[in-house]
C-alpha atoms as a PDB file:
ATOM      1  CA  MET A   1     276.329 166.935  57.273  1.00  0.00           C
ATOM      2  CA  ASN A   2     276.121 166.722  53.517  1.00  0.00           C
ATOM      3  CA  ASN A   3     276.816 169.206  50.686  1.00  0.00           C
ATOM      4  CA  SER A   4     273.303 170.457  50.542  1.00  0.00           C
ATOM      5  CA  GLU A   5     273.434 171.090  54.331  1.00  0.00           C
ATOM      6  CA  LEU A   6     276.005 172.740  53.854  1.00  0.00           C
ATOM      7  CA  ALA A   7     274.877 175.285  50.992  1.00  0.00           C
ATOM      8  CA  MET A   8     271.882 175.434  52.592  1.00  0.00           C
ATOM      9  CA  THR A   9     273.622 176.371  55.715  1.00  0.00           C
ATOM     10  CA  HIS A  10     275.954 178.992  54.235  1.00  0.00           C
ATOM     11  CA  LYS A  11     273.046 180.225  52.282  1.00  0.00           C
ATOM     12  CA  ASN A  12     271.167 181.113  55.615  1.00  0.00           C
ATOM     13  CA  GLN A  13     274.075 182.510  57.625  1.00  0.00           C
ATOM     14  CA  LYS A  14     274.458 185.415  54.338  1.00  0.00           C
ATOM     15  CA  THR A  15     270.490 185.946  54.455  1.00  0.00           C
ATOM     16  CA  ASN A  16     271.005 186.791  58.539  1.00  0.00           C
ATOM     17  CA  VAL A  17     274.258 188.772  57.536  1.00  0.00           C
ATOM     18  CA  ARG A  18     272.253 190.692  54.884  1.00  0.00           C
ATOM     19  CA  LYS A  19     269.551 191.552  57.326  1.00  0.00           C
ATOM     20  CA  GLU A  20     271.521 192.440  59.834  1.00  0.00           C
ATOM     21  CA  LYS A  21     273.485 194.682  58.027  1.00  0.00           C
ATOM     22  CA  ARG A  22     270.016 196.185  56.752  1.00  0.00           C
ATOM     23  CA  PHE A  23     269.064 196.756  60.160  1.00  0.00           C
ATOM     24  CA  SER A  24     272.092 198.525  61.503  1.00  0.00           C
ATOM     25  CA  ALA A  25     272.228 200.498  58.020  1.00  0.00           C
ATOM     26  CA  PHE A  26     268.398 201.559  59.143  1.00  0.00           C
ATOM     27  CA  LEU A  27     269.715 202.703  62.833  1.00  0.00           C
ATOM     28  CA  LYS A  28     272.516 204.685  61.219  1.00  0.00           C
ATOM     29  CA  LYS A  29     270.402 206.737  59.064  1.00  0.00           C
ATOM     30  CA  PHE A  30     267.243 206.755  61.704  1.00  0.00           C
ATOM     31  CA  PHE A  31     269.621 208.007  64.687  1.00  0.00           C
ATOM     32  CA  SER A  32     271.649 210.483  62.081  1.00  0.00           C
ATOM     33  CA  ARG A  33     269.580 213.434  63.665  1.00  0.00           C
ATOM     34  CA  LYS A  34     269.806 214.429  67.433  1.00  0.00           C
ATOM     35  CA  ALA A  35     266.072 214.959  67.307  1.00  0.00           C
ATOM     36  CA  SER A  36     265.787 211.012  66.812  1.00  0.00           C
ATOM     37  CA  TYR A  37     267.460 210.769  69.558  1.00  0.00           C
ATOM     38  CA  PHE A  38     265.564 212.940  71.605  1.00  0.00           C
ATOM     39  CA  GLY A  39     262.155 211.332  69.881  1.00  0.00           C
ATOM     40  CA  ALA A  40     262.942 207.883  70.352  1.00  0.00           C
ATOM     41  CA  VAL A  41     264.464 207.858  74.193  1.00  0.00           C
ATOM     42  CA  GLY A  42     261.704 210.271  75.098  1.00  0.00           C
ATOM     43  CA  LEU A  43     259.118 207.637  73.719  1.00  0.00           C
ATOM     44  CA  LEU A  44     260.880 205.059  75.319  1.00  0.00           C
ATOM     45  CA  ILE A  45     260.480 206.626  78.813  1.00  0.00           C
ATOM     46  CA  VAL A  46     257.132 207.402  77.953  1.00  0.00           C
ATOM     47  CA  ILE A  47     255.607 204.218  77.334  1.00  0.00           C
ATOM     48  CA  LEU A  48     257.972 202.626  80.102  1.00  0.00           C
ATOM     49  CA  LEU A  49     255.612 204.879  82.505  1.00  0.00           C
ATOM     50  CA  ALA A  50     252.588 203.968  81.155  1.00  0.00           C
ATOM     51  CA  VAL A  51     253.608 200.025  81.570  1.00  0.00           C
ATOM     52  CA  PHE A  52     255.189 200.223  84.894  1.00  0.00           C
ATOM     53  CA  GLY A  53     254.360 203.611  86.398  1.00  0.00           C
ATOM     54  CA  PRO A  54     250.752 202.428  87.987  1.00  0.00           C
ATOM     55  CA  MET A  55     253.136 199.898  89.746  1.00  0.00           C
ATOM     56  CA  PHE A  56     254.886 202.670  91.765  1.00  0.00           C
ATOM     57  CA  ALA A  57     252.016 205.267  92.042  1.00  0.00           C
ATOM     58  CA  PRO A  58     251.240 206.484  95.085  1.00  0.00           C
ATOM     59  CA  GLN A  59     247.826 205.370  95.069  1.00  0.00           C
ATOM     60  CA  ASN A  60     245.112 204.095  92.686  1.00  0.00           C
ATOM     61  CA  PRO A  61     242.706 207.017  91.919  1.00  0.00           C
ATOM     62  CA  TYR A  62     240.239 205.313  90.767  1.00  0.00           C
ATOM     63  CA  ASP A  63     240.468 202.781  94.072  1.00  0.00           C
ATOM     64  CA  LEU A  64     237.750 204.069  96.593  1.00  0.00           C
ATOM     65  CA  LEU A  65     239.433 202.598  99.739  1.00  0.00           C
ATOM     66  CA  GLN A  66     242.854 204.478  98.804  1.00  0.00           C
ATOM     67  CA  LEU A  67     241.024 207.922  98.632  1.00  0.00           C
ATOM     68  CA  ASP A  68     240.949 210.548 101.542  1.00  0.00           C
ATOM     69  CA  ILE A  69     238.135 212.881 100.912  1.00  0.00           C
ATOM     70  CA  LEU A  70     239.809 214.951 103.645  1.00  0.00           C
ATOM     71  CA  ASP A  71     243.028 215.939 101.080  1.00  0.00           C
ATOM     72  CA  GLY A  72     240.851 217.059  98.442  1.00  0.00           C
ATOM     73  CA  LYS A  73     242.097 220.357  96.872  1.00  0.00           C
ATOM     74  CA  LEU A  74     245.631 219.992  97.991  1.00  0.00           C
ATOM     75  CA  ARG A  75     248.224 222.600  96.113  1.00  0.00           C
ATOM     76  CA  PRO A  76     250.937 220.839  93.920  1.00  0.00           C
ATOM     77  CA  GLY A  77     253.792 219.810  96.752  1.00  0.00           C
ATOM     78  CA  GLU A  78     252.069 219.761  99.783  1.00  0.00           C
ATOM     79  CA  THR A  79     251.909 216.802 102.008  1.00  0.00           C
ATOM     80  CA  SER A  80     248.882 214.794 103.267  1.00  0.00           C
ATOM     81  CA  MET A  81     247.475 215.767 106.595  1.00  0.00           C
ATOM     82  CA  SER A  82     246.244 212.111 107.054  1.00  0.00           C
ATOM     83  CA  SER A  83     249.226 210.470 105.833  1.00  0.00           C
ATOM     84  CA  SER A  84     252.976 210.744 105.000  1.00  0.00           C
ATOM     85  CA  ILE A  85     252.163 210.652 100.514  1.00  0.00           C
ATOM     86  CA  THR A  86     253.522 213.697  99.037  1.00  0.00           C
ATOM     87  CA  TYR A  87     251.177 214.712  96.342  1.00  0.00           C
ATOM     88  CA  LEU A  88     253.854 216.235  93.897  1.00  0.00           C
ATOM     89  CA  LEU A  89     251.310 217.685  91.386  1.00  0.00           C
ATOM     90  CA  GLY A  90     248.381 218.071  93.598  1.00  0.00           C
ATOM     91  CA  THR A  91     244.759 216.351  93.909  1.00  0.00           C
ATOM     92  CA  ASP A  92     241.656 217.084  92.754  1.00  0.00           C
ATOM     93  CA  ASP A  93     238.413 218.037  93.982  1.00  0.00           C
ATOM     94  CA  GLN A  94     237.742 214.590  95.038  1.00  0.00           C
ATOM     95  CA  GLY A  95     241.575 213.527  96.726  1.00  0.00           C
ATOM     96  CA  ARG A  96     242.433 211.982  94.006  1.00  0.00           C
ATOM     97  CA  ASP A  97     246.298 212.053  93.356  1.00  0.00           C
ATOM     98  CA  ILE A  98     247.205 213.712  90.041  1.00  0.00           C
ATOM     99  CA  PHE A  99     250.993 212.309  89.297  1.00  0.00           C
ATOM    100  CA  SER A 100     248.913 208.820  90.049  1.00  0.00           C
ATOM    101  CA  GLY A 101     246.000 209.892  87.662  1.00  0.00           C
ATOM    102  CA  ILE A 102     248.894 210.730  85.188  1.00  0.00           C
ATOM    103  CA  LEU A 103     250.341 206.979  85.122  1.00  0.00           C
ATOM    104  CA  TYR A 104     247.021 205.283  84.897  1.00  0.00           C
ATOM    105  CA  GLY A 105     245.687 207.559  82.304  1.00  0.00           C
ATOM    106  CA  LEU A 106     248.737 207.699  80.361  1.00  0.00           C
ATOM    107  CA  ARG A 107     248.475 203.531  79.798  1.00  0.00           C
ATOM    108  CA  THR A 108     245.036 203.779  78.821  1.00  0.00           C
ATOM    109  CA  SER A 109     245.440 206.598  76.486  1.00  0.00           C
ATOM    110  CA  ILE A 110     248.696 204.804  74.620  1.00  0.00           C
ATOM    111  CA  PHE A 111     247.041 201.662  74.534  1.00  0.00           C
ATOM    112  CA  VAL A 112     244.010 203.269  72.685  1.00  0.00           C
ATOM    113  CA  GLY A 113     246.236 204.658  70.378  1.00  0.00           C
ATOM    114  CA  ILE A 114     248.684 201.481  69.588  1.00  0.00           C
ATOM    115  CA  VAL A 115     245.680 199.214  69.334  1.00  0.00           C
ATOM    116  CA  SER A 116     243.342 201.523  67.719  1.00  0.00           C
ATOM    117  CA  ALA A 117     246.372 201.970  64.765  1.00  0.00           C
ATOM    118  CA  ILE A 118     247.518 198.511  64.538  1.00  0.00           C
ATOM    119  CA  VAL A 119     243.640 196.939  63.916  1.00  0.00           C
ATOM    120  CA  ALA A 120     243.114 199.824  61.212  1.00  0.00           C
ATOM    121  CA  ALA A 121     245.992 199.253  59.455  1.00  0.00           C
ATOM    122  CA  LEU A 122     245.542 195.390  59.296  1.00  0.00           C
ATOM    123  CA  LEU A 123     242.655 196.181  57.871  1.00  0.00           C
ATOM    124  CA  GLY A 124     242.528 199.018  55.581  1.00  0.00           C
ATOM    125  CA  THR A 125     245.897 197.618  54.391  1.00  0.00           C
ATOM    126  CA  SER A 126     244.106 193.940  53.600  1.00  0.00           C
ATOM    127  CA  LEU A 127     241.470 195.731  51.779  1.00  0.00           C
ATOM    128  CA  GLY A 128     243.868 198.104  50.109  1.00  0.00           C
ATOM    129  CA  LEU A 129     246.054 195.523  49.014  1.00  0.00           C
ATOM    130  CA  LEU A 130     242.484 193.068  47.921  1.00  0.00           C
ATOM    131  CA  ALA A 131     241.438 195.874  45.686  1.00  0.00           C
ATOM    132  CA  ALA A 132     244.699 196.587  44.021  1.00  0.00           C
ATOM    133  CA  TYR A 133     245.041 193.040  43.002  1.00  0.00           C
ATOM    134  CA  LYS A 134     242.282 191.745  42.077  1.00  0.00           C
ATOM    135  CA  GLY A 135     240.745 195.412  40.334  1.00  0.00           C
ATOM    136  CA  GLY A 136     237.196 195.468  38.233  1.00  0.00           C
ATOM    137  CA  ARG A 137     233.884 195.362  41.136  1.00  0.00           C
ATOM    138  CA  THR A 138     236.418 194.444  44.176  1.00  0.00           C
ATOM    139  CA  GLU A 139     238.243 197.630  43.652  1.00  0.00           C
ATOM    140  CA  THR A 140     235.493 199.567  42.920  1.00  0.00           C
ATOM    141  CA  VAL A 141     233.196 198.615  45.930  1.00  0.00           C
ATOM    142  CA  ILE A 142     236.263 199.348  48.051  1.00  0.00           C
ATOM    143  CA  MET A 143     237.353 202.126  46.854  1.00  0.00           C
ATOM    144  CA  ARG A 144     233.909 203.484  46.752  1.00  0.00           C
ATOM    145  CA  LEU A 145     233.656 202.554  50.241  1.00  0.00           C
ATOM    146  CA  VAL A 146     237.192 204.435  51.319  1.00  0.00           C
ATOM    147  CA  ASP A 147     235.782 207.758  49.273  1.00  0.00           C
ATOM    148  CA  LEU A 148     232.482 207.621  51.234  1.00  0.00           C
ATOM    149  CA  GLN A 149     234.684 207.265  54.482  1.00  0.00           C
ATOM    150  CA  LEU A 150     237.175 209.776  53.960  1.00  0.00           C
ATOM    151  CA  SER A 151     234.574 212.455  53.009  1.00  0.00           C
ATOM    152  CA  PHE A 152     233.280 212.466  56.426  1.00  0.00           C
ATOM    153  CA  PRO A 153     236.145 214.465  59.128  1.00  0.00           C
ATOM    154  CA  THR A 154     237.359 211.438  61.480  1.00  0.00           C
ATOM    155  CA  ILE A 155     236.194 213.372  64.672  1.00  0.00           C
ATOM    156  CA  LEU A 156     232.426 213.777  63.050  1.00  0.00           C
ATOM    157  CA  MET A 157     232.883 209.572  62.297  1.00  0.00           C
ATOM    158  CA  ALA A 158     233.812 209.057  65.664  1.00  0.00           C
ATOM    159  CA  LEU A 159     231.327 211.504  67.877  1.00  0.00           C
ATOM    160  CA  MET A 160     228.484 209.472  65.558  1.00  0.00           C
ATOM    161  CA  LEU A 161     229.558 205.878  66.357  1.00  0.00           C
ATOM    162  CA  LEU A 162     229.966 207.062  70.452  1.00  0.00           C
ATOM    163  CA  ALA A 163     226.755 208.475  70.122  1.00  0.00           C
ATOM    164  CA  PHE A 164     225.157 205.269  69.110  1.00  0.00           C
ATOM    165  CA  LEU A 165     227.990 202.748  70.821  1.00  0.00           C
ATOM    166  CA  GLY A 166     227.936 204.410  74.323  1.00  0.00           C
ATOM    167  CA  ARG A 167     231.368 205.593  76.660  1.00  0.00           C
ATOM    168  CA  GLY A 168     233.515 202.921  77.081  1.00  0.00           C
ATOM    169  CA  VAL A 169     237.694 202.555  76.127  1.00  0.00           C
ATOM    170  CA  GLU A 170     236.363 199.676  74.259  1.00  0.00           C
ATOM    171  CA  ASN A 171     233.644 201.452  72.235  1.00  0.00           C
ATOM    172  CA  VAL A 172     236.699 204.150  71.597  1.00  0.00           C
ATOM    173  CA  ILE A 173     239.032 201.970  70.147  1.00  0.00           C
ATOM    174  CA  LEU A 174     235.739 200.715  68.047  1.00  0.00           C
ATOM    175  CA  ALA A 175     235.056 203.892  66.608  1.00  0.00           C
ATOM    176  CA  LEU A 176     238.524 204.922  65.646  1.00  0.00           C
ATOM    177  CA  ILE A 177     239.244 201.614  63.800  1.00  0.00           C
ATOM    178  CA  ILE A 178     236.115 201.869  61.961  1.00  0.00           C
ATOM    179  CA  ALA A 179     237.144 206.261  61.322  1.00  0.00           C
ATOM    180  CA  GLU A 180     240.724 205.516  60.594  1.00  0.00           C
ATOM    181  CA  TRP A 181     240.827 202.357  58.269  1.00  0.00           C
ATOM    182  CA  ALA A 182     240.331 204.075  55.436  1.00  0.00           C
ATOM    183  CA  THR A 183     243.562 205.921  55.048  1.00  0.00           C
ATOM    184  CA  TYR A 184     245.436 202.320  55.123  1.00  0.00           C
ATOM    185  CA  ALA A 185     243.540 201.604  52.260  1.00  0.00           C
ATOM    186  CA  ARG A 186     244.288 204.010  50.022  1.00  0.00           C
ATOM    187  CA  ALA A 187     247.801 204.351  50.945  1.00  0.00           C
ATOM    188  CA  SER A 188     248.378 200.246  50.445  1.00  0.00           C
ATOM    189  CA  ARG A 189     246.473 200.511  46.892  1.00  0.00           C
ATOM    190  CA  GLY A 190     248.290 203.116  45.600  1.00  0.00           C
ATOM    191  CA  THR A 191     251.936 201.027  46.402  1.00  0.00           C
ATOM    192  CA  ALA A 192     250.277 197.780  45.258  1.00  0.00           C
ATOM    193  CA  LEU A 193     249.075 199.499  42.037  1.00  0.00           C
ATOM    194  CA  VAL A 194     252.825 200.018  41.105  1.00  0.00           C
ATOM    195  CA  GLU A 195     254.353 196.536  42.649  1.00  0.00           C
ATOM    196  CA  ARG A 196     251.688 194.207  41.149  1.00  0.00           C
ATOM    197  CA  GLU A 197     252.877 195.067  37.893  1.00  0.00           C
ATOM    198  CA  LYS A 198     256.640 194.254  38.335  1.00  0.00           C
ATOM    199  CA  GLU A 199     258.286 191.061  37.722  1.00  0.00           C
ATOM    200  CA  TYR A 200     258.227 188.901  41.559  1.00  0.00           C
ATOM    201  CA  ILE A 201     254.757 188.999  41.353  1.00  0.00           C
ATOM    202  CA  GLU A 202     254.356 188.214  37.355  1.00  0.00           C
ATOM    203  CA  ALA A 203     256.603 185.380  38.589  1.00  0.00           C
ATOM    204  CA  ALA A 204     254.355 184.448  41.202  1.00  0.00           C
ATOM    205  CA  ARG A 205     251.287 184.206  39.277  1.00  0.00           C
ATOM    206  CA  CYS A 206     253.108 181.967  36.727  1.00  0.00           C
ATOM    207  CA  LEU A 207     253.708 179.281  39.469  1.00  0.00           C
ATOM    208  CA  ALA A 208     249.939 179.054  39.845  1.00  0.00           C
ATOM    209  CA  LEU A 209     250.374 180.623  43.634  1.00  0.00           C
ATOM    210  CA  PRO A 210     247.593 180.766  45.509  1.00  0.00           C
ATOM    211  CA  GLN A 211     246.166 184.484  45.937  1.00  0.00           C
ATOM    212  CA  TYR A 212     246.265 185.113  49.537  1.00  0.00           C
ATOM    213  CA  ARG A 213     249.958 184.137  49.356  1.00  0.00           C
ATOM    214  CA  ILE A 214     250.955 186.165  46.254  1.00  0.00           C
ATOM    215  CA  ILE A 215     249.043 189.122  48.156  1.00  0.00           C
ATOM    216  CA  PHE A 216     250.127 188.622  52.065  1.00  0.00           C
ATOM    217  CA  PHE A 217     253.584 187.070  51.304  1.00  0.00           C
ATOM    218  CA  HIS A 218     254.624 188.826  48.403  1.00  0.00           C
ATOM    219  CA  LEU A 219     252.668 191.624  47.826  1.00  0.00           C
ATOM    220  CA  LEU A 220     252.366 193.077  51.450  1.00  0.00           C
ATOM    221  CA  PRO A 221     256.417 193.156  52.688  1.00  0.00           C
ATOM    222  CA  ASN A 222     256.964 195.131  49.737  1.00  0.00           C
ATOM    223  CA  CYS A 223     254.478 197.838  50.946  1.00  0.00           C
ATOM    224  CA  LEU A 224     254.945 198.250  54.508  1.00  0.00           C
ATOM    225  CA  PRO A 225     257.163 201.210  54.366  1.00  0.00           C
ATOM    226  CA  PRO A 226     253.847 203.730  53.892  1.00  0.00           C
ATOM    227  CA  VAL A 227     251.511 201.796  56.362  1.00  0.00           C
ATOM    228  CA  ILE A 228     254.353 202.230  59.017  1.00  0.00           C
ATOM    229  CA  VAL A 229     254.899 205.409  58.803  1.00  0.00           C
ATOM    230  CA  ILE A 230     251.046 206.160  58.403  1.00  0.00           C
ATOM    231  CA  ALA A 231     250.489 203.819  61.907  1.00  0.00           C
ATOM    232  CA  THR A 232     253.201 206.052  63.719  1.00  0.00           C
ATOM    233  CA  MET A 233     251.305 209.238  62.910  1.00  0.00           C
ATOM    234  CA  GLN A 234     248.149 207.719  63.404  1.00  0.00           C
ATOM    235  CA  ILE A 235     249.128 206.737  66.844  1.00  0.00           C
ATOM    236  CA  ALA A 236     249.805 210.057  68.115  1.00  0.00           C
ATOM    237  CA  ARG A 237     246.612 211.068  65.834  1.00  0.00           C
ATOM    238  CA  ALA A 238     244.086 208.188  67.893  1.00  0.00           C
ATOM    239  CA  ILE A 239     245.618 209.225  71.343  1.00  0.00           C
ATOM    240  CA  GLY A 240     244.817 212.857  70.850  1.00  0.00           C
ATOM    241  CA  LEU A 241     241.202 211.928  69.398  1.00  0.00           C
ATOM    242  CA  GLU A 242     240.476 209.783  72.256  1.00  0.00           C
ATOM    243  CA  ALA A 243     241.569 213.151  74.614  1.00  0.00           C
ATOM    244  CA  THR A 244     239.307 214.992  72.618  1.00  0.00           C
ATOM    245  CA  LEU A 245     236.036 212.684  72.785  1.00  0.00           C
ATOM    246  CA  SER A 246     236.550 212.316  76.660  1.00  0.00           C
ATOM    247  CA  PHE A 247     236.916 216.125  77.009  1.00  0.00           C
ATOM    248  CA  LEU A 248     233.439 215.774  75.388  1.00  0.00           C
ATOM    249  CA  GLY A 249     231.799 213.194  77.504  1.00  0.00           C
ATOM    250  CA  LEU A 250     231.945 210.750  74.749  1.00  0.00           C
ATOM    251  CA  GLY A 251     235.230 208.808  75.344  1.00  0.00           C
ATOM    252  CA  ALA A 252     236.003 206.718  78.556  1.00  0.00           C
ATOM    253  CA  SER A 253     233.954 206.410  81.121  1.00  0.00           C
ATOM    254  CA  VAL A 254     234.310 208.452  84.399  1.00  0.00           C
ATOM    255  CA  THR A 255     235.694 204.836  86.264  1.00  0.00           C
ATOM    256  CA  GLU A 256     238.660 204.536  83.329  1.00  0.00           C
ATOM    257  CA  PRO A 257     241.234 207.063  83.788  1.00  0.00           C
ATOM    258  CA  SER A 258     242.632 208.901  80.439  1.00  0.00           C
ATOM    259  CA  LEU A 259     244.795 211.639  79.990  1.00  0.00           C
ATOM    260  CA  GLY A 260     241.475 213.357  78.083  1.00  0.00           C
ATOM    261  CA  MET A 261     239.595 212.170  81.274  1.00  0.00           C
ATOM    262  CA  LEU A 262     241.648 213.973  83.249  1.00  0.00           C
ATOM    263  CA  ILE A 263     241.729 217.312  81.448  1.00  0.00           C
ATOM    264  CA  SER A 264     237.939 217.161  81.450  1.00  0.00           C
ATOM    265  CA  ASN A 265     238.012 216.739  85.452  1.00  0.00           C
ATOM    266  CA  GLY A 266     239.371 219.895  85.634  1.00  0.00           C
ATOM    267  CA  TYR A 267     238.190 222.371  83.429  1.00  0.00           C
ATOM    268  CA  GLN A 268     235.507 223.328  85.562  1.00  0.00           C
ATOM    269  CA  TYR A 269     237.828 224.180  87.724  1.00  0.00           C
ATOM    270  CA  MET A 270     240.080 226.615  85.816  1.00  0.00           C
ATOM    271  CA  LEU A 271     238.956 229.560  86.752  1.00  0.00           C
ATOM    272  CA  SER A 272     238.855 228.732  90.450  1.00  0.00           C
ATOM    273  CA  GLY A 273     242.615 228.946  90.694  1.00  0.00           C
ATOM    274  CA  MET A 274     243.286 225.059  90.375  1.00  0.00           C
ATOM    275  CA  TYR A 275     244.821 225.003  87.061  1.00  0.00           C
ATOM    276  CA  TRP A 276     247.072 221.945  88.123  1.00  0.00           C
ATOM    277  CA  ILE A 277     244.328 219.318  87.596  1.00  0.00           C
ATOM    278  CA  SER A 278     244.220 220.121  83.900  1.00  0.00           C
ATOM    279  CA  PHE A 279     247.339 221.707  82.775  1.00  0.00           C
ATOM    280  CA  TYR A 280     249.969 218.890  84.191  1.00  0.00           C
ATOM    281  CA  PRO A 281     247.623 215.820  82.229  1.00  0.00           C
ATOM    282  CA  GLY A 282     247.275 218.471  79.194  1.00  0.00           C
ATOM    283  CA  LEU A 283     251.009 219.077  79.792  1.00  0.00           C
ATOM    284  CA  VAL A 284     252.100 215.387  79.335  1.00  0.00           C
ATOM    285  CA  LEU A 285     249.627 214.539  76.229  1.00  0.00           C
ATOM    286  CA  LEU A 286     251.060 217.310  74.158  1.00  0.00           C
ATOM    287  CA  VAL A 287     254.634 215.946  74.884  1.00  0.00           C
ATOM    288  CA  THR A 288     253.695 212.447  74.383  1.00  0.00           C
ATOM    289  CA  ILE A 289     252.108 213.553  70.741  1.00  0.00           C
ATOM    290  CA  VAL A 290     255.028 215.501  69.693  1.00  0.00           C
ATOM    291  CA  LEU A 291     257.617 212.562  70.937  1.00  0.00           C
ATOM    292  CA  ILE A 292     255.764 210.277  68.750  1.00  0.00           C
ATOM    293  CA  ASN A 293     255.159 213.043  65.824  1.00  0.00           C
ATOM    294  CA  LEU A 294     259.034 213.054  66.101  1.00  0.00           C
ATOM    295  CA  VAL A 295     259.711 209.572  65.174  1.00  0.00           C
ATOM    296  CA  GLY A 296     257.058 209.430  62.922  1.00  0.00           C
ATOM    297  CA  ASP A 297     258.771 212.023  60.852  1.00  0.00           C
ATOM    298  CA  ARG A 298     262.126 210.243  60.865  1.00  0.00           C
ATOM    299  CA  LEU A 299     260.565 207.267  59.509  1.00  0.00           C
ATOM    300  CA  ARG A 300     259.001 208.836  56.751  1.00  0.00           C
ATOM    301  CA  ASP A 301     262.404 210.539  55.664  1.00  0.00           C
ATOM    302  CA  VAL A 302     264.501 207.048  56.198  1.00  0.00           C
ATOM    303  CA  LEU A 303     261.348 204.703  54.768  1.00  0.00           C
ATOM    304  CA  ASN A 304     260.887 206.740  52.003  1.00  0.00           C
ATOM    305  CA  PRO A 305     264.098 208.063  49.569  1.00  0.00           C
ATOM    306  CA  ARG A 306     262.223 210.402  47.759  1.00  0.00           C
ATOM    307  CA  SER A 307     261.763 212.343  50.916  1.00  0.00           C
ATOM    308  CA  ARG A 308     264.869 212.415  51.653  1.00  0.00           C
END
């Protein structure tokens, strides 16, 4: 190995050490509060339940071959008369296990929240960086679209889109992407306006680097912290919006389990005393949103020095 290769290897090792130190410092700051442990561990448990829970669910509540109509309207904690299954949280009016429905619905709700937030972040951040870097007419057109988008409440925009698109998880994700991208565009543009005047951007321009490389390889990494915080918050917001839309009858279809659909299924039975049909899915929805917000609040404190 010659001297140049040794120098390159040594440089890479030093870079890796710096990255490890920054990551360890980030973890130390993030877990410096007890609420951070609670939020991170709780959110990890929720994600694991969403991913692997349906594999261990007592039944698939949306498989007609696994349903027993005779077990409908069981109270929590009772055992099926025709099988050995114990319905820990009871069943609904069609004999579907509430606990199994929560596991399947949690997966759908988290999937909707994560996918819609990530795609909206990619779209909005790209347009915000483009507007800040290019300026002129490009910035004017993009920011006028952002202003128009933000002039409508998110839930109203999603309702109008779903009234046109129809029900379904895919349509809910598309509606949430269209309704949420403008938030990322405005935040990323504000950060990029400051970053584009710094020396490293001027140096990249002097080197005649392609514009896409300057935007995505130089400007984007320095604008990521606020985008990450917004995306974390928007995941919780998207989960809540999906539940609201499903409750109103414009979200997931009746054959697609989600927490909002489970809450909607039991709403008409609340006054009849069968509270558990809506109560337990609603409780899981509340806990999930609270845990995501705890993690998002802590990320905001750690990634934004001015808020510490």
